[in-house]
């Protein structure tokens, strides 16, 4: 569900990271993540939540296991996870939503 509901944010991040010479929103593909992008997002999620990567690999096809291992290594070689964990979520006040269609 985390991947399904957060795809626009992940799409922006992944396009910025994975496409050389390209940044911003990508409109091709109708908003769906590729298998590679799903696996990269899964790596982000697992590392952010301190969940077992090995346990997740047991649920993946062999080619996706390799992608997950690569994504985890790439992310582990950077400070991205620490920076994301340092972000403080403050939420929004309900009065900001009055009159908005939810």
PDB file of N, CA and C in Angstrom:
ATOM      1  N   UNK A   1       0.820  -1.185   0.000  1.00  0.00           N
ATOM      2  CA  UNK A   1       0.000   0.000   0.000  1.00  0.00           C
ATOM      3  C   UNK A   1       0.872   1.259   0.000  1.00  0.00           C
ATOM      4  N   UNK A   2       1.999   1.182   0.696  1.00  0.00           N
ATOM      5  CA  UNK A   2       2.884   2.351   0.739  1.00  0.00           C
ATOM      6  C   UNK A   2       3.338   2.726  -0.668  1.00  0.00           C
ATOM      7  N   UNK A   3       3.617   1.734  -1.483  1.00  0.00           N
ATOM      8  CA  UNK A   3       4.054   2.000  -2.847  1.00  0.00           C
ATOM      9  C   UNK A   3       2.902   2.499  -3.704  1.00  0.00           C
ATOM     10  N   UNK A   4       1.751   1.905  -3.521  1.00  0.00           N
ATOM     11  CA  UNK A   4       0.601   2.274  -4.341  1.00  0.00           C
ATOM     12  C   UNK A   4       0.155   3.708  -4.095  1.00  0.00           C
ATOM     13  N   UNK A   5       0.138   4.131  -2.836  1.00  0.00           N
ATOM     14  CA  UNK A   5      -0.358   5.456  -2.524  1.00  0.00           C
ATOM     15  C   UNK A   5       0.695   6.551  -2.599  1.00  0.00           C
ATOM     16  N   UNK A   6       1.958   6.187  -2.648  1.00  0.00           N
ATOM     17  CA  UNK A   6       2.993   7.219  -2.677  1.00  0.00           C
ATOM     18  C   UNK A   6       3.716   7.268  -4.012  1.00  0.00           C
ATOM     19  N   UNK A   7       3.159   6.660  -5.061  1.00  0.00           N
ATOM     20  CA  UNK A   7       3.876   6.598  -6.339  1.00  0.00           C
ATOM     21  C   UNK A   7       4.240   7.962  -6.919  1.00  0.00           C
ATOM     22  N   UNK A   8       3.431   9.027  -6.784  1.00  0.00           N
ATOM     23  CA  UNK A   8       3.866  10.296  -7.396  1.00  0.00           C
ATOM     24  C   UNK A   8       5.162  10.827  -6.782  1.00  0.00           C
ATOM     25  N   UNK A   9       5.293  10.698  -5.479  1.00  0.00           N
ATOM     26  CA  UNK A   9       6.512  11.159  -4.811  1.00  0.00           C
ATOM     27  C   UNK A   9       7.677  10.279  -5.225  1.00  0.00           C
ATOM     28  N   UNK A  10       7.457   8.981  -5.221  1.00  0.00           N
ATOM     29  CA  UNK A  10       8.521   8.057  -5.618  1.00  0.00           C
ATOM     30  C   UNK A  10       8.898   8.268  -7.069  1.00  0.00           C
ATOM     31  N   UNK A  11       7.910   8.526  -7.913  1.00  0.00           N
ATOM     32  CA  UNK A  11       8.164   8.727  -9.338  1.00  0.00           C
ATOM     33  C   UNK A  11       9.078   9.938  -9.543  1.00  0.00           C
ATOM     34  N   UNK A  12       8.786  11.031  -8.854  1.00  0.00           N
ATOM     35  CA  UNK A  12       9.613  12.221  -8.963  1.00  0.00           C
ATOM     36  C   UNK A  12      11.037  11.914  -8.500  1.00  0.00           C
ATOM     37  N   UNK A  13      11.168  11.243  -7.373  1.00  0.00           N
ATOM     38  CA  UNK A  13      12.477  10.907  -6.830  1.00  0.00           C
ATOM     39  C   UNK A  13      13.227   9.977  -7.766  1.00  0.00           C
ATOM     40  N   UNK A  14      12.554   8.936  -8.226  1.00  0.00           N
ATOM     41  CA  UNK A  14      13.222   7.944  -9.063  1.00  0.00           C
ATOM     42  C   UNK A  14      13.606   8.498 -10.421  1.00  0.00           C
ATOM     43  N   UNK A  15      12.775   9.351 -10.998  1.00  0.00           N
ATOM     44  CA  UNK A  15      13.121   9.961 -12.276  1.00  0.00           C
ATOM     45  C   UNK A  15      14.357  10.831 -12.099  1.00  0.00           C
ATOM     46  N   UNK A  16      14.420  11.560 -11.004  1.00  0.00           N
ATOM     47  CA  UNK A  16      15.572  12.415 -10.736  1.00  0.00           C
ATOM     48  C   UNK A  16      16.838  11.598 -10.543  1.00  0.00           C
ATOM     49  N   UNK A  17      16.715  10.443  -9.899  1.00  0.00           N
ATOM     50  CA  UNK A  17      17.882   9.615  -9.592  1.00  0.00           C
ATOM     51  C   UNK A  17      18.302   8.762 -10.782  1.00  0.00           C
ATOM     52  N   UNK A  18      17.343   8.147 -11.472  1.00  0.00           N
ATOM     53  CA  UNK A  18      17.677   7.138 -12.466  1.00  0.00           C
ATOM     54  C   UNK A  18      17.880   7.660 -13.875  1.00  0.00           C
ATOM     55  N   UNK A  19      17.303   8.793 -14.231  1.00  0.00           N
ATOM     56  CA  UNK A  19      17.446   9.309 -15.597  1.00  0.00           C
ATOM     57  C   UNK A  19      18.526  10.381 -15.644  1.00  0.00           C
ATOM     58  N   UNK A  20      19.549  10.120 -16.401  1.00  0.00           N
ATOM     59  CA  UNK A  20      20.584  11.138 -16.524  1.00  0.00           C
ATOM     60  C   UNK A  20      20.090  12.224 -17.463  1.00  0.00           C
ATOM     61  N   UNK A  21      20.287  13.449 -17.071  1.00  0.00           N
ATOM     62  CA  UNK A  21      19.858  14.579 -17.897  1.00  0.00           C
ATOM     63  C   UNK A  21      18.371  14.835 -17.845  1.00  0.00           C
ATOM     64  N   UNK A  22      17.654  14.213 -16.903  1.00  0.00           N
ATOM     65  CA  UNK A  22      16.210  14.387 -16.833  1.00  0.00           C
ATOM     66  C   UNK A  22      15.797  14.530 -15.379  1.00  0.00           C
ATOM     67  N   UNK A  23      15.018  15.551 -15.098  1.00  0.00           N
ATOM     68  CA  UNK A  23      14.478  15.725 -13.760  1.00  0.00           C
ATOM     69  C   UNK A  23      13.031  16.155 -13.861  1.00  0.00           C
ATOM     70  N   UNK A  24      12.280  15.871 -12.822  1.00  0.00           N
ATOM     71  CA  UNK A  24      10.898  16.314 -12.770  1.00  0.00           C
ATOM     72  C   UNK A  24       9.923  15.165 -12.953  1.00  0.00           C
ATOM     73  N   UNK A  25       8.672  15.513 -13.093  1.00  0.00           N
ATOM     74  CA  UNK A  25       7.616  14.508 -13.242  1.00  0.00           C
ATOM     75  C   UNK A  25       7.705  13.854 -14.603  1.00  0.00           C
ATOM     76  N   UNK A  26       7.448  12.574 -14.625  1.00  0.00           N
ATOM     77  CA  UNK A  26       7.437  11.837 -15.881  1.00  0.00           C
ATOM     78  C   UNK A  26       6.009  11.405 -16.153  1.00  0.00           C
ATOM     79  N   UNK A  27       5.519  11.692 -17.326  1.00  0.00           N
ATOM     80  CA  UNK A  27       4.123  11.403 -17.623  1.00  0.00           C
ATOM     81  C   UNK A  27       3.933  10.133 -18.422  1.00  0.00           C
ATOM     82  N   UNK A  28       4.998   9.548 -18.942  1.00  0.00           N
ATOM     83  CA  UNK A  28       4.845   8.314 -19.696  1.00  0.00           C
ATOM     84  C   UNK A  28       4.555   7.159 -18.756  1.00  0.00           C
ATOM     85  N   UNK A  29       3.909   6.126 -19.252  1.00  0.00           N
ATOM     86  CA  UNK A  29       3.630   4.954 -18.437  1.00  0.00           C
ATOM     87  C   UNK A  29       2.379   5.097 -17.589  1.00  0.00           C
ATOM     88  N   UNK A  30       1.646   6.170 -17.765  1.00  0.00           N
ATOM     89  CA  UNK A  30       0.385   6.320 -17.057  1.00  0.00           C
ATOM     90  C   UNK A  30       0.526   6.371 -15.542  1.00  0.00           C
ATOM     91  N   UNK A  31       1.709   6.676 -15.031  1.00  0.00           N
ATOM     92  CA  UNK A  31       1.877   6.772 -13.591  1.00  0.00           C
ATOM     93  C   UNK A  31       2.250   5.480 -12.911  1.00  0.00           C
ATOM     94  N   UNK A  32       2.434   4.413 -13.658  1.00  0.00           N
ATOM     95  CA  UNK A  32       2.786   3.139 -13.051  1.00  0.00           C
ATOM     96  C   UNK A  32       4.292   3.009 -12.945  1.00  0.00           C
ATOM     97  N   UNK A  33       4.741   2.442 -11.849  1.00  0.00           N
ATOM     98  CA  UNK A  33       6.163   2.196 -11.680  1.00  0.00           C
ATOM     99  C   UNK A  33       6.554   0.922 -12.416  1.00  0.00           C
ATOM    100  N   UNK A  34       7.749   0.915 -12.963  1.00  0.00           N
ATOM    101  CA  UNK A  34       8.276  -0.308 -13.562  1.00  0.00           C
ATOM    102  C   UNK A  34       8.658  -1.258 -12.436  1.00  0.00           C
ATOM    103  N   UNK A  35       8.980  -2.502 -12.784  1.00  0.00           N
ATOM    104  CA  UNK A  35       9.424  -3.455 -11.766  1.00  0.00           C
ATOM    105  C   UNK A  35      10.661  -2.931 -11.048  1.00  0.00           C
ATOM    106  N   UNK A  36      11.593  -2.371 -11.807  1.00  0.00           N
ATOM    107  CA  UNK A  36      12.822  -1.837 -11.216  1.00  0.00           C
ATOM    108  C   UNK A  36      12.521  -0.713 -10.233  1.00  0.00           C
ATOM    109  N   UNK A  37      11.600   0.162 -10.604  1.00  0.00           N
ATOM    110  CA  UNK A  37      11.234   1.270  -9.725  1.00  0.00           C
ATOM    111  C   UNK A  37      10.523   0.766  -8.472  1.00  0.00           C
ATOM    112  N   UNK A  38       9.671  -0.243  -8.628  1.00  0.00           N
ATOM    113  CA  UNK A  38       9.009  -0.845  -7.463  1.00  0.00           C
ATOM    114  C   UNK A  38      10.041  -1.424  -6.505  1.00  0.00           C
ATOM    115  N   UNK A  39      11.019  -2.102  -7.050  1.00  0.00           N
ATOM    116  CA  UNK A  39      12.050  -2.716  -6.206  1.00  0.00           C
ATOM    117  C   UNK A  39      12.872  -1.640  -5.508  1.00  0.00           C
ATOM    118  N   UNK A  40      13.194  -0.567  -6.217  1.00  0.00           N
ATOM    119  CA  UNK A  40      13.948   0.527  -5.597  1.00  0.00           C
ATOM    120  C   UNK A  40      13.121   1.158  -4.478  1.00  0.00           C
ATOM    121  N   UNK A  41      11.842   1.349  -4.721  1.00  0.00           N
ATOM    122  CA  UNK A  41      10.954   1.892  -3.698  1.00  0.00           C
ATOM    123  C   UNK A  41      10.855   0.932  -2.515  1.00  0.00           C
ATOM    124  N   UNK A  42      10.820  -0.357  -2.803  1.00  0.00           N
ATOM    125  CA  UNK A  42      10.803  -1.364  -1.739  1.00  0.00           C
ATOM    126  C   UNK A  42      12.070  -1.263  -0.897  1.00  0.00           C
ATOM    127  N   UNK A  43      13.213  -1.083  -1.542  1.00  0.00           N
ATOM    128  CA  UNK A  43      14.479  -0.927  -0.822  1.00  0.00           C
ATOM    129  C   UNK A  43      14.422   0.294   0.095  1.00  0.00           C
ATOM    130  N   UNK A  44      13.915   1.408  -0.426  1.00  0.00           N
ATOM    131  CA  UNK A  44      13.755   2.613   0.398  1.00  0.00           C
ATOM    132  C   UNK A  44      12.878   2.327   1.610  1.00  0.00           C
ATOM    133  N   UNK A  45      11.750   1.686   1.379  1.00  0.00           N
ATOM    134  CA  UNK A  45      10.802   1.381   2.441  1.00  0.00           C
ATOM    135  C   UNK A  45      11.433   0.476   3.497  1.00  0.00           C
ATOM    136  N   UNK A  46      12.084  -0.598   3.059  1.00  0.00           N
ATOM    137  CA  UNK A  46      12.695  -1.543   3.997  1.00  0.00           C
ATOM    138  C   UNK A  46      13.764  -0.874   4.849  1.00  0.00           C
ATOM    139  N   UNK A  47      14.603  -0.080   4.222  1.00  0.00           N
ATOM    140  CA  UNK A  47      15.673   0.582   4.960  1.00  0.00           C
ATOM    141  C   UNK A  47      15.135   1.660   5.901  1.00  0.00           C
ATOM    142  N   UNK A  48      14.124   2.387   5.455  1.00  0.00           N
ATOM    143  CA  UNK A  48      13.534   3.414   6.316  1.00  0.00           C
ATOM    144  C   UNK A  48      12.856   2.810   7.542  1.00  0.00           C
ATOM    145  N   UNK A  49      12.254   1.652   7.368  1.00  0.00           N
ATOM    146  CA  UNK A  49      11.525   0.997   8.462  1.00  0.00           C
ATOM    147  C   UNK A  49      12.375  -0.027   9.204  1.00  0.00           C
ATOM    148  N   UNK A  50      13.664  -0.131   8.844  1.00  0.00           N
ATOM    149  CA  UNK A  50      14.577  -1.101   9.464  1.00  0.00           C
ATOM    150  C   UNK A  50      14.014  -2.521   9.422  1.00  0.00           C
ATOM    151  N   UNK A  51      13.474  -2.878   8.273  1.00  0.00           N
ATOM    152  CA  UNK A  51      12.901  -4.208   8.085  1.00  0.00           C
ATOM    153  C   UNK A  51      13.907  -5.110   7.373  1.00  0.00           C
ATOM    154  N   UNK A  52      13.708  -6.403   7.486  1.00  0.00           N
ATOM    155  CA  UNK A  52      14.623  -7.390   6.932  1.00  0.00           C
ATOM    156  C   UNK A  52      14.581  -7.423   5.408  1.00  0.00           C
ATOM    157  N   UNK A  53      15.723  -7.114   4.806  1.00  0.00           N
ATOM    158  CA  UNK A  53      15.844  -7.181   3.347  1.00  0.00           C
ATOM    159  C   UNK A  53      15.828  -8.639   2.904  1.00  0.00           C
ATOM    160  N   UNK A  54      16.491  -9.505   3.660  1.00  0.00           N
ATOM    161  CA  UNK A  54      16.560 -10.929   3.321  1.00  0.00           C
ATOM    162  C   UNK A  54      15.164 -11.547   3.321  1.00  0.00           C
ATOM    163  N   UNK A  55      14.368 -11.191   4.295  1.00  0.00           N
ATOM    164  CA  UNK A  55      12.995 -11.718   4.362  1.00  0.00           C
ATOM    165  C   UNK A  55      12.177 -11.269   3.154  1.00  0.00           C
ATOM    166  N   UNK A  56      12.359 -10.018   2.741  1.00  0.00           N
ATOM    167  CA  UNK A  56      11.652  -9.509   1.566  1.00  0.00           C
ATOM    168  C   UNK A  56      12.125 -10.218   0.307  1.00  0.00           C
ATOM    169  N   UNK A  57      13.424 -10.502   0.215  1.00  0.00           N
ATOM    170  CA  UNK A  57      13.968 -11.186  -0.959  1.00  0.00           C
ATOM    171  C   UNK A  57      13.331 -12.556  -1.165  1.00  0.00           C
ATOM    172  N   UNK A  58      12.956 -13.208  -0.069  1.00  0.00           N
ATOM    173  CA  UNK A  58      12.335 -14.531  -0.165  1.00  0.00           C
ATOM    174  C   UNK A  58      10.996 -14.492  -0.894  1.00  0.00           C
ATOM    175  N   UNK A  59      10.417 -13.311  -1.032  1.00  0.00           N
ATOM    176  CA  UNK A  59       9.121 -13.167  -1.696  1.00  0.00           C
ATOM    177  C   UNK A  59       9.245 -12.688  -3.137  1.00  0.00           C
ATOM    178  N   UNK A  60      10.460 -12.491  -3.622  1.00  0.00           N
ATOM    179  CA  UNK A  60      10.666 -11.930  -4.954  1.00  0.00           C
ATOM    180  C   UNK A  60      11.145 -12.966  -5.963  1.00  0.00           C
ATOM    181  N   UNK A  61      10.880 -12.671  -7.231  1.00  0.00           N
ATOM    182  CA  UNK A  61      11.428 -13.475  -8.318  1.00  0.00           C
ATOM    183  C   UNK A  61      12.949 -13.299  -8.325  1.00  0.00           C
ATOM    184  N   UNK A  62      13.694 -14.297  -8.826  1.00  0.00           N
ATOM    185  CA  UNK A  62      15.164 -14.219  -8.806  1.00  0.00           C
ATOM    186  C   UNK A  62      15.736 -12.932  -9.409  1.00  0.00           C
ATOM    187  N   UNK A  63      15.205 -12.486 -10.551  1.00  0.00           N
ATOM    188  CA  UNK A  63      15.756 -11.269 -11.155  1.00  0.00           C
ATOM    189  C   UNK A  63      15.492 -10.036 -10.295  1.00  0.00           C
ATOM    190  N   UNK A  64      14.383 -10.035  -9.552  1.00  0.00           N
ATOM    191  CA  UNK A  64      14.075  -8.902  -8.686  1.00  0.00           C
ATOM    192  C   UNK A  64      14.909  -8.927  -7.406  1.00  0.00           C
ATOM    193  N   UNK A  65      15.303 -10.137  -6.981  1.00  0.00           N
ATOM    194  CA  UNK A  65      16.192 -10.247  -5.821  1.00  0.00           C
ATOM    195  C   UNK A  65      17.501  -9.523  -6.104  1.00  0.00           C
ATOM    196  N   UNK A  66      18.023  -9.702  -7.301  1.00  0.00           N
ATOM    197  CA  UNK A  66      19.275  -9.040  -7.684  1.00  0.00           C
ATOM    198  C   UNK A  66      19.099  -7.522  -7.695  1.00  0.00           C
ATOM    199  N   UNK A  67      17.966  -7.063  -8.224  1.00  0.00           N
ATOM    200  CA  UNK A  67      17.695  -5.620  -8.250  1.00  0.00           C
ATOM    201  C   UNK A  67      17.579  -5.045  -6.837  1.00  0.00           C
ATOM    202  N   UNK A  68      16.922  -5.791  -5.946  1.00  0.00           N
ATOM    203  CA  UNK A  68      16.773  -5.313  -4.568  1.00  0.00           C
ATOM    204  C   UNK A  68      18.133  -5.235  -3.881  1.00  0.00           C
ATOM    205  N   UNK A  69      18.945  -6.253  -4.081  1.00  0.00           N
ATOM    206  CA  UNK A  69      20.280  -6.259  -3.484  1.00  0.00           C
ATOM    207  C   UNK A  69      21.093  -5.054  -3.983  1.00  0.00           C
ATOM    208  N   UNK A  70      21.000  -4.774  -5.282  1.00  0.00           N
ATOM    209  CA  UNK A  70      21.713  -3.640  -5.871  1.00  0.00           C
ATOM    210  C   UNK A  70      21.187  -2.316  -5.311  1.00  0.00           C
ATOM    211  N   UNK A  71      19.869  -2.183  -5.219  1.00  0.00           N
ATOM    212  CA  UNK A  71      19.261  -0.947  -4.710  1.00  0.00           C
ATOM    213  C   UNK A  71      19.661  -0.706  -3.254  1.00  0.00           C
ATOM    214  N   UNK A  72      19.645  -1.755  -2.450  1.00  0.00           N
ATOM    215  CA  UNK A  72      20.030  -1.627  -1.040  1.00  0.00           C
ATOM    216  C   UNK A  72      21.484  -1.198  -0.932  1.00  0.00           C
ATOM    217  N   UNK A  73      22.342  -1.777  -1.771  1.00  0.00           N
ATOM    218  CA  UNK A  73      23.764  -1.400  -1.754  1.00  0.00           C
ATOM    219  C   UNK A  73      23.935   0.064  -2.152  1.00  0.00           C
ATOM    220  N   UNK A  74      23.255   0.481  -3.220  1.00  0.00           N
ATOM    221  CA  UNK A  74      23.346   1.876  -3.663  1.00  0.00           C
ATOM    222  C   UNK A  74      22.888   2.836  -2.570  1.00  0.00           C
ATOM    223  N   UNK A  75      21.767   2.524  -1.950  1.00  0.00           N
ATOM    224  CA  UNK A  75      21.238   3.393  -0.896  1.00  0.00           C
ATOM    225  C   UNK A  75      22.132   3.383   0.338  1.00  0.00           C
ATOM    226  N   UNK A  76      22.706   2.229   0.647  1.00  0.00           N
ATOM    227  CA  UNK A  76      23.578   2.111   1.817  1.00  0.00           C
ATOM    228  C   UNK A  76      24.885   2.871   1.637  1.00  0.00           C
ATOM    229  N   UNK A  77      25.291   3.067   0.390  1.00  0.00           N
ATOM    230  CA  UNK A  77      26.520   3.806   0.098  1.00  0.00           C
ATOM    231  C   UNK A  77      26.325   5.317   0.141  1.00  0.00           C
ATOM    232  N   UNK A  78      25.098   5.755   0.425  1.00  0.00           N
ATOM    233  CA  UNK A  78      24.799   7.188   0.494  1.00  0.00           C
ATOM    234  C   UNK A  78      24.270   7.526   1.885  1.00  0.00           C
ATOM    235  N   UNK A  79      23.922   8.771   2.074  1.00  0.00           N
ATOM    236  CA  UNK A  79      23.360   9.245   3.337  1.00  0.00           C
ATOM    237  C   UNK A  79      21.848   9.474   3.208  1.00  0.00           C
ATOM    238  N   UNK A  80      21.252   8.969   2.136  1.00  0.00           N
ATOM    239  CA  UNK A  80      19.840   9.236   1.832  1.00  0.00           C
ATOM    240  C   UNK A  80      18.909   8.763   2.942  1.00  0.00           C
ATOM    241  N   UNK A  81      19.102   7.556   3.431  1.00  0.00           N
ATOM    242  CA  UNK A  81      18.201   7.008   4.449  1.00  0.00           C
ATOM    243  C   UNK A  81      18.294   7.830   5.741  1.00  0.00           C
ATOM    244  N   UNK A  82      19.498   8.177   6.147  1.00  0.00           N
ATOM    245  CA  UNK A  82      19.663   9.010   7.353  1.00  0.00           C
ATOM    246  C   UNK A  82      18.989  10.369   7.174  1.00  0.00           C
ATOM    247  N   UNK A  83      19.128  10.957   5.988  1.00  0.00           N
ATOM    248  CA  UNK A  83      18.497  12.252   5.722  1.00  0.00           C
ATOM    249  C   UNK A  83      16.980  12.135   5.756  1.00  0.00           C
ATOM    250  N   UNK A  84      16.433  11.068   5.186  1.00  0.00           N
ATOM    251  CA  UNK A  84      14.984  10.879   5.196  1.00  0.00           C
ATOM    252  C   UNK A  84      14.462  10.626   6.595  1.00  0.00           C
ATOM    253  N   UNK A  85      15.218   9.856   7.392  1.00  0.00           N
ATOM    254  CA  UNK A  85      14.803   9.578   8.769  1.00  0.00           C
ATOM    255  C   UNK A  85      14.847  10.841   9.628  1.00  0.00           C
ATOM    256  N   UNK A  86      15.696  11.787   9.271  1.00  0.00           N
ATOM    257  CA  UNK A  86      15.840  13.018  10.046  1.00  0.00           C
ATOM    258  C   UNK A  86      14.693  13.995   9.812  1.00  0.00           C
ATOM    259  N   UNK A  87      13.908  13.781   8.762  1.00  0.00           N
ATOM    260  CA  UNK A  87      12.788  14.678   8.468  1.00  0.00           C
ATOM    261  C   UNK A  87      11.707  14.478   9.524  1.00  0.00           C
ATOM    262  N   UNK A  88      11.283  15.582  10.117  1.00  0.00           N
ATOM    263  CA  UNK A  88      10.255  15.522  11.149  1.00  0.00           C
ATOM    264  C   UNK A  88       8.891  15.770  10.515  1.00  0.00           C
ATOM    265  N   UNK A  89       7.999  14.806  10.653  1.00  0.00           N
ATOM    266  CA  UNK A  89       6.645  14.951  10.137  1.00  0.00           C
ATOM    267  C   UNK A  89       5.796  15.640  11.187  1.00  0.00           C
ATOM    268  N   UNK A  90       5.186  16.743  10.822  1.00  0.00           N
ATOM    269  CA  UNK A  90       4.374  17.494  11.769  1.00  0.00           C
ATOM    270  C   UNK A  90       2.886  17.378  11.495  1.00  0.00           C
ATOM    271  N   UNK A  91       2.522  16.784  10.370  1.00  0.00           N
ATOM    272  CA  UNK A  91       1.116  16.646  10.052  1.00  0.00           C
ATOM    273  C   UNK A  91       0.497  17.968   9.626  1.00  0.00           C
ATOM    274  N   UNK A  92      -0.793  17.949   9.416  1.00  0.00           N
ATOM    275  CA  UNK A  92      -1.508  19.172   9.065  1.00  0.00           C
ATOM    276  C   UNK A  92      -2.683  19.342  10.012  1.00  0.00           C
ATOM    277  N   UNK A  93      -3.007  20.575  10.273  1.00  0.00           N
ATOM    278  CA  UNK A  93      -4.153  20.854  11.132  1.00  0.00           C
ATOM    279  C   UNK A  93      -5.423  20.640  10.328  1.00  0.00           C
ATOM    280  N   UNK A  94      -6.444  20.176  10.968  1.00  0.00           N
ATOM    281  CA  UNK A  94      -7.706  19.874  10.277  1.00  0.00           C
ATOM    282  C   UNK A  94      -8.332  21.134   9.668  1.00  0.00           C
ATOM    283  N   UNK A  95      -8.073  22.294  10.239  1.00  0.00           N
ATOM    284  CA  UNK A  95      -8.678  23.515   9.698  1.00  0.00           C
ATOM    285  C   UNK A  95      -8.098  23.866   8.323  1.00  0.00           C
ATOM    286  N   UNK A  96      -6.947  23.302   7.975  1.00  0.00           N
ATOM    287  CA  UNK A  96      -6.400  23.514   6.638  1.00  0.00           C
ATOM    288  C   UNK A  96      -7.198  22.756   5.585  1.00  0.00           C
ATOM    289  N   UNK A  97      -7.972  21.784   6.008  1.00  0.00           N
ATOM    290  CA  UNK A  97      -8.714  20.932   5.071  1.00  0.00           C
ATOM    291  C   UNK A  97     -10.168  21.372   4.902  1.00  0.00           C
ATOM    292  N   UNK A  98     -10.622  22.329   5.669  1.00  0.00           N
ATOM    293  CA  UNK A  98     -12.021  22.732   5.579  1.00  0.00           C
ATOM    294  C   UNK A  98     -12.322  23.280   4.190  1.00  0.00           C
ATOM    295  N   UNK A  99     -13.392  22.789   3.627  1.00  0.00           N
ATOM    296  CA  UNK A  99     -13.816  23.222   2.314  1.00  0.00           C
ATOM    297  C   UNK A  99     -13.151  22.462   1.171  1.00  0.00           C
ATOM    298  N   UNK A 100     -12.213  21.615   1.499  1.00  0.00           N
ATOM    299  CA  UNK A 100     -11.527  20.829   0.471  1.00  0.00           C
ATOM    300  C   UNK A 100     -12.256  19.516   0.249  1.00  0.00           C
ATOM    301  N   UNK A 101     -12.257  19.056  -0.958  1.00  0.00           N
ATOM    302  CA  UNK A 101     -12.850  17.757  -1.260  1.00  0.00           C
ATOM    303  C   UNK A 101     -11.808  16.683  -0.996  1.00  0.00           C
ATOM    304  N   UNK A 102     -12.136  15.749  -0.145  1.00  0.00           N
ATOM    305  CA  UNK A 102     -11.193  14.675   0.161  1.00  0.00           C
ATOM    306  C   UNK A 102     -11.607  13.402  -0.477  1.00  0.00           C
TER     307      UNK A 102
END
